[in-house]
Amino acid sequence: MKRILSENKAAGKKTYLHQDAEGDRIVHEQKFDKLIEMNKFYNDGWQKGQMRGTQKHIQHVAEIPNVVYHHLLETLGDPKHPDNQKAWKAWLNDHQNRAFRTGGGNL
């Protein structure tokens, strides 16, 4: 049996309670087609060297959906912790995750 617990239409996110022979579990689903389109738009507009100069800029490198981000927090840990930063950079630089990137190059 599948029962909806909450729904956020603006974020395209739904939370379900699944009850079956294996037991009860909570499942989060999120549609992020529009986010992938936005990331592609930003990635297409990125040019090598556009952030050069004397000022230090903060460059937007990725947009990650909430569901994926929370899964990564569980598997890779806090991205601000120095021990976990290499794992986060490796995940973002992985070719399979390029749909989440908003700019070219490597971190």
PDB file of N, CA and C in Angstrom:
ATOM      1  N   MET A   1       0.842  -1.170   0.000  1.00  0.00           N
ATOM      2  CA  MET A   1       0.000   0.000   0.000  1.00  0.00           C
ATOM      3  C   MET A   1       0.893   1.240   0.000  1.00  0.00           C
ATOM      4  N   LYS A   2       0.512   2.226  -0.782  1.00  0.00           N
ATOM      5  CA  LYS A   2       1.275   3.451  -0.907  1.00  0.00           C
ATOM      6  C   LYS A   2       0.365   4.617  -0.512  1.00  0.00           C
ATOM      7  N   ARG A   3       0.818   5.394   0.491  1.00  0.00           N
ATOM      8  CA  ARG A   3       0.002   6.514   0.975  1.00  0.00           C
ATOM      9  C   ARG A   3       0.863   7.770   0.979  1.00  0.00           C
ATOM     10  N   ILE A   4       0.309   8.853   0.434  1.00  0.00           N
ATOM     11  CA  ILE A   4       1.054  10.108   0.381  1.00  0.00           C
ATOM     12  C   ILE A   4       1.022  10.781   1.758  1.00  0.00           C
ATOM     13  N   LEU A   5       2.189  11.208   2.230  1.00  0.00           N
ATOM     14  CA  LEU A   5       2.293  11.884   3.518  1.00  0.00           C
ATOM     15  C   LEU A   5       2.349  13.395   3.355  1.00  0.00           C
ATOM     16  N   SER A   6       3.103  13.862   2.368  1.00  0.00           N
ATOM     17  CA  SER A   6       3.190  15.301   2.118  1.00  0.00           C
ATOM     18  C   SER A   6       3.513  15.543   0.653  1.00  0.00           C
ATOM     19  N   GLU A   7       3.189  16.757   0.212  1.00  0.00           N
ATOM     20  CA  GLU A   7       3.441  17.132  -1.176  1.00  0.00           C
ATOM     21  C   GLU A   7       3.785  18.612  -1.236  1.00  0.00           C
ATOM     22  N   ASN A   8       4.870  18.922  -1.940  1.00  0.00           N
ATOM     23  CA  ASN A   8       5.275  20.296  -2.179  1.00  0.00           C
ATOM     24  C   ASN A   8       5.269  20.493  -3.686  1.00  0.00           C
ATOM     25  N   LYS A   9       4.204  21.082  -4.212  1.00  0.00           N
ATOM     26  CA  LYS A   9       4.058  21.217  -5.659  1.00  0.00           C
ATOM     27  C   LYS A   9       5.089  22.159  -6.251  1.00  0.00           C
ATOM     28  N   ALA A  10       5.459  23.211  -5.510  1.00  0.00           N
ATOM     29  CA  ALA A  10       6.448  24.166  -6.019  1.00  0.00           C
ATOM     30  C   ALA A  10       7.799  23.496  -6.255  1.00  0.00           C
ATOM     31  N   ALA A  11       8.200  22.602  -5.357  1.00  0.00           N
ATOM     32  CA  ALA A  11       9.482  21.895  -5.484  1.00  0.00           C
ATOM     33  C   ALA A  11       9.339  20.592  -6.257  1.00  0.00           C
ATOM     34  N   GLY A  12       8.097  20.175  -6.551  1.00  0.00           N
ATOM     35  CA  GLY A  12       7.878  18.906  -7.247  1.00  0.00           C
ATOM     36  C   GLY A  12       8.239  17.707  -6.389  1.00  0.00           C
ATOM     37  N   LYS A  13       8.065  17.838  -5.080  1.00  0.00           N
ATOM     38  CA  LYS A  13       8.499  16.800  -4.142  1.00  0.00           C
ATOM     39  C   LYS A  13       7.294  16.166  -3.452  1.00  0.00           C
ATOM     40  N   LYS A  14       7.329  14.836  -3.334  1.00  0.00           N
ATOM     41  CA  LYS A  14       6.295  14.085  -2.631  1.00  0.00           C
ATOM     42  C   LYS A  14       6.949  13.108  -1.667  1.00  0.00           C
ATOM     43  N   THR A  15       6.291  12.888  -0.538  1.00  0.00           N
ATOM     44  CA  THR A  15       6.760  11.924   0.445  1.00  0.00           C
ATOM     45  C   THR A  15       5.674  10.886   0.634  1.00  0.00           C
ATOM     46  N   TYR A  16       6.050   9.606   0.495  1.00  0.00           N
ATOM     47  CA  TYR A  16       5.105   8.504   0.595  1.00  0.00           C
ATOM     48  C   TYR A  16       5.463   7.585   1.752  1.00  0.00           C
ATOM     49  N   LEU A  17       4.442   6.914   2.270  1.00  0.00           N
ATOM     50  CA  LEU A  17       4.624   5.813   3.208  1.00  0.00           C
ATOM     51  C   LEU A  17       4.279   4.542   2.450  1.00  0.00           C
ATOM     52  N   HIS A  18       5.267   3.654   2.287  1.00  0.00           N
ATOM     53  CA  HIS A  18       5.054   2.367   1.625  1.00  0.00           C
ATOM     54  C   HIS A  18       4.912   1.297   2.700  1.00  0.00           C
ATOM     55  N   GLN A  19       3.824   0.542   2.620  1.00  0.00           N
ATOM     56  CA  GLN A  19       3.599  -0.572   3.532  1.00  0.00           C
ATOM     57  C   GLN A  19       3.437  -1.831   2.698  1.00  0.00           C
ATOM     58  N   ASP A  20       4.328  -2.786   2.923  1.00  0.00           N
ATOM     59  CA  ASP A  20       4.256  -4.051   2.206  1.00  0.00           C
ATOM     60  C   ASP A  20       4.818  -5.157   3.089  1.00  0.00           C
ATOM     61  N   ALA A  21       5.065  -6.319   2.500  1.00  0.00           N
ATOM     62  CA  ALA A  21       5.546  -7.473   3.260  1.00  0.00           C
ATOM     63  C   ALA A  21       6.920  -7.225   3.884  1.00  0.00           C
ATOM     64  N   GLU A  22       7.718  -6.348   3.292  1.00  0.00           N
ATOM     65  CA  GLU A  22       9.047  -6.028   3.822  1.00  0.00           C
ATOM     66  C   GLU A  22       8.973  -5.099   5.030  1.00  0.00           C
ATOM     67  N   GLY A  23       7.836  -4.454   5.217  1.00  0.00           N
ATOM     68  CA  GLY A  23       7.670  -3.524   6.329  1.00  0.00           C
ATOM     69  C   GLY A  23       7.314  -2.128   5.843  1.00  0.00           C
ATOM     70  N   ASP A  24       7.353  -1.187   6.751  1.00  0.00           N
ATOM     71  CA  ASP A  24       7.030   0.203   6.432  1.00  0.00           C
ATOM     72  C   ASP A  24       8.310   0.960   6.089  1.00  0.00           C
ATOM     73  N   ARG A  25       8.221   1.810   5.082  1.00  0.00           N
ATOM     74  CA  ARG A  25       9.351   2.668   4.746  1.00  0.00           C
ATOM     75  C   ARG A  25       8.825   3.973   4.161  1.00  0.00           C
ATOM     76  N   ILE A  26       9.597   5.024   4.345  1.00  0.00           N
ATOM     77  CA  ILE A  26       9.242   6.338   3.814  1.00  0.00           C
ATOM     78  C   ILE A  26      10.097   6.588   2.590  1.00  0.00           C
ATOM     79  N   VAL A  27       9.455   7.022   1.505  1.00  0.00           N
ATOM     80  CA  VAL A  27      10.128   7.256   0.237  1.00  0.00           C
ATOM     81  C   VAL A  27       9.898   8.699  -0.179  1.00  0.00           C
ATOM     82  N   HIS A  28      10.975   9.381  -0.566  1.00  0.00           N
ATOM     83  CA  HIS A  28      10.890  10.754  -1.057  1.00  0.00           C
ATOM     84  C   HIS A  28      11.106  10.734  -2.561  1.00  0.00           C
ATOM     85  N   GLU A  29      10.251  11.433  -3.289  1.00  0.00           N
ATOM     86  CA  GLU A  29      10.385  11.551  -4.742  1.00  0.00           C
ATOM     87  C   GLU A  29      10.398  13.023  -5.096  1.00  0.00           C
ATOM     88  N   GLN A  30      11.223  13.379  -6.073  1.00  0.00           N
ATOM     89  CA  GLN A  30      11.271  14.766  -6.524  1.00  0.00           C
ATOM     90  C   GLN A  30      11.543  14.777  -8.021  1.00  0.00           C
ATOM     91  N   LYS A  31      10.741  15.532  -8.751  1.00  0.00           N
ATOM     92  CA  LYS A  31      10.967  15.711 -10.180  1.00  0.00           C
ATOM     93  C   LYS A  31      11.858  16.935 -10.353  1.00  0.00           C
ATOM     94  N   PHE A  32      12.906  16.784 -11.145  1.00  0.00           N
ATOM     95  CA  PHE A  32      13.802  17.917 -11.323  1.00  0.00           C
ATOM     96  C   PHE A  32      14.176  18.122 -12.782  1.00  0.00           C
ATOM     97  N   ASP A  33      13.213  17.906 -13.679  1.00  0.00           N
ATOM     98  CA  ASP A  33      13.443  18.132 -15.100  1.00  0.00           C
ATOM     99  C   ASP A  33      13.753  19.603 -15.385  1.00  0.00           C
ATOM    100  N   LYS A  34      13.009  20.503 -14.756  1.00  0.00           N
ATOM    101  CA  LYS A  34      13.220  21.937 -14.986  1.00  0.00           C
ATOM    102  C   LYS A  34      14.579  22.370 -14.447  1.00  0.00           C
ATOM    103  N   LEU A  35      15.013  21.783 -13.350  1.00  0.00           N
ATOM    104  CA  LEU A  35      16.322  22.100 -12.786  1.00  0.00           C
ATOM    105  C   LEU A  35      17.436  21.673 -13.744  1.00  0.00           C
ATOM    106  N   ILE A  36      17.285  20.513 -14.355  1.00  0.00           N
ATOM    107  CA  ILE A  36      18.284  20.024 -15.316  1.00  0.00           C
ATOM    108  C   ILE A  36      18.334  20.954 -16.532  1.00  0.00           C
ATOM    109  N   GLU A  37      17.174  21.432 -16.992  1.00  0.00           N
ATOM    110  CA  GLU A  37      17.131  22.374 -18.113  1.00  0.00           C
ATOM    111  C   GLU A  37      17.835  23.680 -17.751  1.00  0.00           C
ATOM    112  N   MET A  38      17.591  24.180 -16.532  1.00  0.00           N
ATOM    113  CA  MET A  38      18.225  25.412 -16.079  1.00  0.00           C
ATOM    114  C   MET A  38      19.744  25.225 -16.001  1.00  0.00           C
ATOM    115  N   ASN A  39      20.190  24.084 -15.471  1.00  0.00           N
ATOM    116  CA  ASN A  39      21.622  23.809 -15.387  1.00  0.00           C
ATOM    117  C   ASN A  39      22.261  23.769 -16.777  1.00  0.00           C
ATOM    118  N   LYS A  40      21.563  23.172 -17.735  1.00  0.00           N
ATOM    119  CA  LYS A  40      22.075  23.113 -19.105  1.00  0.00           C
ATOM    120  C   LYS A  40      22.194  24.523 -19.681  1.00  0.00           C
ATOM    121  N   PHE A  41      21.212  25.384 -19.412  1.00  0.00           N
ATOM    122  CA  PHE A  41      21.249  26.767 -19.888  1.00  0.00           C
ATOM    123  C   PHE A  41      22.477  27.488 -19.334  1.00  0.00           C
ATOM    124  N   TYR A  42      22.705  27.375 -18.018  1.00  0.00           N
ATOM    125  CA  TYR A  42      23.867  28.017 -17.400  1.00  0.00           C
ATOM    126  C   TYR A  42      25.180  27.417 -17.900  1.00  0.00           C
ATOM    127  N   ASN A  43      25.210  26.106 -18.085  1.00  0.00           N
ATOM    128  CA  ASN A  43      26.411  25.442 -18.559  1.00  0.00           C
ATOM    129  C   ASN A  43      26.747  25.866 -19.986  1.00  0.00           C
ATOM    130  N   ASP A  44      25.722  26.039 -20.830  1.00  0.00           N
ATOM    131  CA  ASP A  44      25.945  26.476 -22.212  1.00  0.00           C
ATOM    132  C   ASP A  44      26.491  27.904 -22.267  1.00  0.00           C
ATOM    133  N   GLY A  45      26.123  28.738 -21.289  1.00  0.00           N
ATOM    134  CA  GLY A  45      26.578  30.130 -21.267  1.00  0.00           C
ATOM    135  C   GLY A  45      27.935  30.323 -20.621  1.00  0.00           C
ATOM    136  N   TRP A  46      28.487  29.265 -20.033  1.00  0.00           N
ATOM    137  CA  TRP A  46      29.770  29.370 -19.355  1.00  0.00           C
ATOM    138  C   TRP A  46      30.904  29.477 -20.361  1.00  0.00           C
ATOM    139  N   GLN A  47      31.859  30.383 -20.082  1.00  0.00           N
ATOM    140  CA  GLN A  47      33.031  30.533 -20.935  1.00  0.00           C
ATOM    141  C   GLN A  47      34.288  30.442 -20.085  1.00  0.00           C
ATOM    142  N   LYS A  48      35.272  29.762 -20.587  1.00  0.00           N
ATOM    143  CA  LYS A  48      36.530  29.613 -19.858  1.00  0.00           C
ATOM    144  C   LYS A  48      37.164  30.992 -19.663  1.00  0.00           C
ATOM    145  N   GLY A  49      37.579  31.261 -18.442  1.00  0.00           N
ATOM    146  CA  GLY A  49      38.258  32.514 -18.139  1.00  0.00           C
ATOM    147  C   GLY A  49      37.352  33.687 -17.846  1.00  0.00           C
ATOM    148  N   GLN A  50      36.044  33.480 -17.777  1.00  0.00           N
ATOM    149  CA  GLN A  50      35.134  34.608 -17.552  1.00  0.00           C
ATOM    150  C   GLN A  50      35.231  35.178 -16.146  1.00  0.00           C
ATOM    151  N   MET A  51      35.832  34.459 -15.199  1.00  0.00           N
ATOM    152  CA  MET A  51      35.950  34.939 -13.831  1.00  0.00           C
ATOM    153  C   MET A  51      37.367  35.428 -13.517  1.00  0.00           C
ATOM    154  N   ARG A  52      38.177  35.654 -14.527  1.00  0.00           N
ATOM    155  CA  ARG A  52      39.537  36.118 -14.295  1.00  0.00           C
ATOM    156  C   ARG A  52      39.539  37.593 -13.925  1.00  0.00           C
ATOM    157  N   GLY A  53      40.588  37.984 -13.254  1.00  0.00           N
ATOM    158  CA  GLY A  53      40.737  39.376 -12.873  1.00  0.00           C
ATOM    159  C   GLY A  53      41.362  39.474 -11.505  1.00  0.00           C
ATOM    160  N   THR A  54      41.316  40.656 -10.942  1.00  0.00           N
ATOM    161  CA  THR A  54      41.956  40.872  -9.649  1.00  0.00           C
ATOM    162  C   THR A  54      41.043  40.526  -8.489  1.00  0.00           C
ATOM    163  N   GLN A  55      39.751  40.472  -8.718  1.00  0.00           N
ATOM    164  CA  GLN A  55      38.811  40.165  -7.644  1.00  0.00           C
ATOM    165  C   GLN A  55      38.641  38.658  -7.524  1.00  0.00           C
ATOM    166  N   LYS A  56      38.407  38.225  -6.308  1.00  0.00           N
ATOM    167  CA  LYS A  56      38.101  36.813  -6.090  1.00  0.00           C
ATOM    168  C   LYS A  56      36.587  36.655  -6.125  1.00  0.00           C
ATOM    169  N   HIS A  57      36.111  35.828  -7.023  1.00  0.00           N
ATOM    170  CA  HIS A  57      34.678  35.624  -7.198  1.00  0.00           C
ATOM    171  C   HIS A  57      34.263  34.277  -6.621  1.00  0.00           C
ATOM    172  N   ILE A  58      33.032  34.222  -6.219  1.00  0.00           N
ATOM    173  CA  ILE A  58      32.425  32.941  -5.867  1.00  0.00           C
ATOM    174  C   ILE A  58      31.654  32.494  -7.096  1.00  0.00           C
ATOM    175  N   GLN A  59      32.022  31.362  -7.624  1.00  0.00           N
ATOM    176  CA  GLN A  59      31.396  30.880  -8.844  1.00  0.00           C
ATOM    177  C   GLN A  59      30.401  29.777  -8.514  1.00  0.00           C
ATOM    178  N   HIS A  60      29.213  29.914  -9.071  1.00  0.00           N
ATOM    179  CA  HIS A  60      28.157  28.917  -8.918  1.00  0.00           C
ATOM    180  C   HIS A  60      28.538  27.717  -9.779  1.00  0.00           C
ATOM    181  N   VAL A  61      28.717  26.554  -9.168  1.00  0.00           N
ATOM    182  CA  VAL A  61      29.193  25.392  -9.935  1.00  0.00           C
ATOM    183  C   VAL A  61      28.137  24.313 -10.130  1.00  0.00           C
ATOM    184  N   ALA A  62      27.077  24.281  -9.287  1.00  0.00           N
ATOM    185  CA  ALA A  62      26.101  23.200  -9.410  1.00  0.00           C
ATOM    186  C   ALA A  62      24.779  23.573  -8.749  1.00  0.00           C
ATOM    187  N   GLU A  63      23.718  22.949  -9.227  1.00  0.00           N
ATOM    188  CA  GLU A  63      22.395  22.979  -8.597  1.00  0.00           C
ATOM    189  C   GLU A  63      22.009  21.529  -8.397  1.00  0.00           C
ATOM    190  N   ILE A  64      21.845  21.149  -7.137  1.00  0.00           N
ATOM    191  CA  ILE A  64      21.532  19.766  -6.802  1.00  0.00           C
ATOM    192  C   ILE A  64      20.158  19.717  -6.150  1.00  0.00           C
ATOM    193  N   PRO A  65      19.247  18.851  -6.613  1.00  0.00           N
ATOM    194  CA  PRO A  65      17.924  18.738  -5.995  1.00  0.00           C
ATOM    195  C   PRO A  65      18.032  18.300  -4.533  1.00  0.00           C
ATOM    196  N   ASN A  66      17.045  18.687  -3.735  1.00  0.00           N
ATOM    197  CA  ASN A  66      17.043  18.382  -2.302  1.00  0.00           C
ATOM    198  C   ASN A  66      17.197  16.899  -2.009  1.00  0.00           C
ATOM    199  N   VAL A  67      16.486  16.071  -2.733  1.00  0.00           N
ATOM    200  CA  VAL A  67      16.517  14.631  -2.478  1.00  0.00           C
ATOM    201  C   VAL A  67      17.923  14.080  -2.708  1.00  0.00           C
ATOM    202  N   VAL A  68      18.561  14.515  -3.779  1.00  0.00           N
ATOM    203  CA  VAL A  68      19.919  14.060  -4.084  1.00  0.00           C
ATOM    204  C   VAL A  68      20.900  14.611  -3.054  1.00  0.00           C
ATOM    205  N   TYR A  69      20.745  15.878  -2.682  1.00  0.00           N
ATOM    206  CA  TYR A  69      21.640  16.502  -1.703  1.00  0.00           C
ATOM    207  C   TYR A  69      21.598  15.766  -0.363  1.00  0.00           C
ATOM    208  N   HIS A  70      20.407  15.446   0.109  1.00  0.00           N
ATOM    209  CA  HIS A  70      20.296  14.747   1.390  1.00  0.00           C
ATOM    210  C   HIS A  70      20.851  13.323   1.314  1.00  0.00           C
ATOM    211  N   HIS A  71      20.712  12.691   0.164  1.00  0.00           N
ATOM    212  CA  HIS A  71      21.333  11.378  -0.022  1.00  0.00           C
ATOM    213  C   HIS A  71      22.862  11.508   0.024  1.00  0.00           C
ATOM    214  N   LEU A  72      23.397  12.555  -0.611  1.00  0.00           N
ATOM    215  CA  LEU A  72      24.844  12.779  -0.595  1.00  0.00           C
ATOM    216  C   LEU A  72      25.348  13.119   0.806  1.00  0.00           C
ATOM    217  N   LEU A  73      24.544  13.841   1.581  1.00  0.00           N
ATOM    218  CA  LEU A  73      24.931  14.123   2.966  1.00  0.00           C
ATOM    219  C   LEU A  73      25.092  12.834   3.757  1.00  0.00           C
ATOM    220  N   GLU A  74      24.198  11.886   3.523  1.00  0.00           N
ATOM    221  CA  GLU A  74      24.280  10.603   4.222  1.00  0.00           C
ATOM    222  C   GLU A  74      25.490   9.784   3.769  1.00  0.00           C
ATOM    223  N   THR A  75      25.796   9.828   2.474  1.00  0.00           N
ATOM    224  CA  THR A  75      26.871   8.984   1.955  1.00  0.00           C
ATOM    225  C   THR A  75      28.249   9.645   2.018  1.00  0.00           C
ATOM    226  N   LEU A  76      28.331  10.951   1.723  1.00  0.00           N
ATOM    227  CA  LEU A  76      29.627  11.631   1.661  1.00  0.00           C
ATOM    228  C   LEU A  76      29.931  12.476   2.893  1.00  0.00           C
ATOM    229  N   GLY A  77      28.917  12.833   3.649  1.00  0.00           N
ATOM    230  CA  GLY A  77      29.120  13.681   4.822  1.00  0.00           C
ATOM    231  C   GLY A  77      28.965  15.159   4.490  1.00  0.00           C
ATOM    232  N   ASP A  78      29.206  16.003   5.468  1.00  0.00           N
ATOM    233  CA  ASP A  78      29.059  17.451   5.337  1.00  0.00           C
ATOM    234  C   ASP A  78      30.103  18.004   4.361  1.00  0.00           C
ATOM    235  N   PRO A  79      29.677  18.752   3.319  1.00  0.00           N
ATOM    236  CA  PRO A  79      30.648  19.257   2.341  1.00  0.00           C
ATOM    237  C   PRO A  79      31.596  20.303   2.915  1.00  0.00           C
ATOM    238  N   LYS A  80      31.245  20.931   4.023  1.00  0.00           N
ATOM    239  CA  LYS A  80      32.111  21.949   4.629  1.00  0.00           C
ATOM    240  C   LYS A  80      33.249  21.334   5.438  1.00  0.00           C
ATOM    241  N   HIS A  81      33.124  20.070   5.804  1.00  0.00           N
ATOM    242  CA  HIS A  81      34.166  19.404   6.587  1.00  0.00           C
ATOM    243  C   HIS A  81      35.349  19.088   5.670  1.00  0.00           C
ATOM    244  N   PRO A  82      36.572  19.461   6.068  1.00  0.00           N
ATOM    245  CA  PRO A  82      37.742  19.260   5.197  1.00  0.00           C
ATOM    246  C   PRO A  82      37.956  17.815   4.743  1.00  0.00           C
ATOM    247  N   ASP A  83      37.607  16.852   5.566  1.00  0.00           N
ATOM    248  CA  ASP A  83      37.796  15.454   5.188  1.00  0.00           C
ATOM    249  C   ASP A  83      36.844  15.009   4.080  1.00  0.00           C
ATOM    250  N   ASN A  84      35.717  15.701   3.916  1.00  0.00           N
ATOM    251  CA  ASN A  84      34.701  15.293   2.949  1.00  0.00           C
ATOM    252  C   ASN A  84      34.771  16.083   1.638  1.00  0.00           C
ATOM    253  N   GLN A  85      35.542  17.154   1.598  1.00  0.00           N
ATOM    254  CA  GLN A  85      35.557  18.019   0.416  1.00  0.00           C
ATOM    255  C   GLN A  85      36.064  17.305  -0.831  1.00  0.00           C
ATOM    256  N   LYS A  86      37.042  16.421  -0.684  1.00  0.00           N
ATOM    257  CA  LYS A  86      37.555  15.683  -1.847  1.00  0.00           C
ATOM    258  C   LYS A  86      36.481  14.786  -2.444  1.00  0.00           C
ATOM    259  N   ALA A  87      35.690  14.146  -1.588  1.00  0.00           N
ATOM    260  CA  ALA A  87      34.622  13.263  -2.079  1.00  0.00           C
ATOM    261  C   ALA A  87      33.550  14.065  -2.813  1.00  0.00           C
ATOM    262  N   TRP A  88      33.193  15.229  -2.285  1.00  0.00           N
ATOM    263  CA  TRP A  88      32.201  16.083  -2.948  1.00  0.00           C
ATOM    264  C   TRP A  88      32.725  16.581  -4.291  1.00  0.00           C
ATOM    265  N   LYS A  89      33.982  17.000  -4.335  1.00  0.00           N
ATOM    266  CA  LYS A  89      34.565  17.461  -5.603  1.00  0.00           C
ATOM    267  C   LYS A  89      34.607  16.326  -6.616  1.00  0.00           C
ATOM    268  N   ALA A  90      34.965  15.139  -6.166  1.00  0.00           N
ATOM    269  CA  ALA A  90      35.004  13.989  -7.069  1.00  0.00           C
ATOM    270  C   ALA A  90      33.611  13.686  -7.615  1.00  0.00           C
ATOM    271  N   TRP A  91      32.594  13.786  -6.759  1.00  0.00           N
ATOM    272  CA  TRP A  91      31.217  13.529  -7.204  1.00  0.00           C
ATOM    273  C   TRP A  91      30.793  14.577  -8.235  1.00  0.00           C
ATOM    274  N   LEU A  92      31.101  15.849  -7.976  1.00  0.00           N
ATOM    275  CA  LEU A  92      30.719  16.906  -8.912  1.00  0.00           C
ATOM    276  C   LEU A  92      31.499  16.820 -10.225  1.00  0.00           C
ATOM    277  N   ASN A  93      32.751  16.372 -10.178  1.00  0.00           N
ATOM    278  CA  ASN A  93      33.562  16.262 -11.390  1.00  0.00           C
ATOM    279  C   ASN A  93      33.267  14.998 -12.181  1.00  0.00           C
ATOM    280  N   ASP A  94      32.543  14.047 -11.592  1.00  0.00           N
ATOM    281  CA  ASP A  94      32.217  12.792 -12.267  1.00  0.00           C
ATOM    282  C   ASP A  94      31.346  13.082 -13.490  1.00  0.00           C
ATOM    283  N   HIS A  95      31.708  12.473 -14.602  1.00  0.00           N
ATOM    284  CA  HIS A  95      30.996  12.696 -15.867  1.00  0.00           C
ATOM    285  C   HIS A  95      29.511  12.311 -15.770  1.00  0.00           C
ATOM    286  N   GLN A  96      29.181  11.314 -14.960  1.00  0.00           N
ATOM    287  CA  GLN A  96      27.788  10.875 -14.830  1.00  0.00           C
ATOM    288  C   GLN A  96      26.913  11.933 -14.147  1.00  0.00           C
ATOM    289  N   ASN A  97      27.507  12.850 -13.396  1.00  0.00           N
ATOM    290  CA  ASN A  97      26.754  13.862 -12.654  1.00  0.00           C
ATOM    291  C   ASN A  97      26.826  15.233 -13.318  1.00  0.00           C
ATOM    292  N   ARG A  98      27.203  15.287 -14.601  1.00  0.00           N
ATOM    293  CA  ARG A  98      27.381  16.557 -15.286  1.00  0.00           C
ATOM    294  C   ARG A  98      26.080  17.346 -15.426  1.00  0.00           C
ATOM    295  N   ALA A  99      24.933  16.681 -15.347  1.00  0.00           N
ATOM    296  CA  ALA A  99      23.648  17.374 -15.477  1.00  0.00           C
ATOM    297  C   ALA A  99      23.402  18.334 -14.316  1.00  0.00           C
ATOM    298  N   PHE A 100      24.092  18.146 -13.194  1.00  0.00           N
ATOM    299  CA  PHE A 100      23.928  19.018 -12.041  1.00  0.00           C
ATOM    300  C   PHE A 100      24.880  20.210 -12.077  1.00  0.00           C
ATOM    301  N   ARG A 101      25.867  20.211 -12.986  1.00  0.00           N
ATOM    302  CA  ARG A 101      26.850  21.291 -13.059  1.00  0.00           C
ATOM    303  C   ARG A 101      26.273  22.491 -13.794  1.00  0.00           C
ATOM    304  N   THR A 102      26.661  23.695 -13.366  1.00  0.00           N
ATOM    305  CA  THR A 102      26.204  24.935 -14.024  1.00  0.00           C
ATOM    306  C   THR A 102      27.349  25.644 -14.724  1.00  0.00           C
ATOM    307  N   GLY A 103      28.544  25.085 -14.700  1.00  0.00           N
ATOM    308  CA  GLY A 103      29.698  25.683 -15.367  1.00  0.00           C
ATOM    309  C   GLY A 103      30.677  24.609 -15.756  1.00  0.00           C
ATOM    310  N   GLY A 104      31.511  24.914 -16.717  1.00  0.00           N
ATOM    311  CA  GLY A 104      32.481  23.928 -17.194  1.00  0.00           C
ATOM    312  C   GLY A 104      33.696  23.847 -16.296  1.00  0.00           C
ATOM    313  N   GLY A 105      34.668  23.101 -16.751  1.00  0.00           N
ATOM    314  CA  GLY A 105      35.908  22.971 -16.004  1.00  0.00           C
ATOM    315  C   GLY A 105      35.785  21.952 -14.884  1.00  0.00           C
ATOM    316  N   ASN A 106      36.838  21.854 -14.089  1.00  0.00           N
ATOM    317  CA  ASN A 106      36.882  20.952 -12.942  1.00  0.00           C
ATOM    318  C   ASN A 106      37.036  21.752 -11.681  1.00  0.00           C
ATOM    319  N   LEU A 107      36.571  21.174 -10.583  1.00  0.00           N
ATOM    320  CA  LEU A 107      36.745  21.817  -9.272  1.00  0.00           C
ATOM    321  C   LEU A 107      38.096  21.463  -8.714  1.00  0.00           C
TER     322      LEU A 107
END
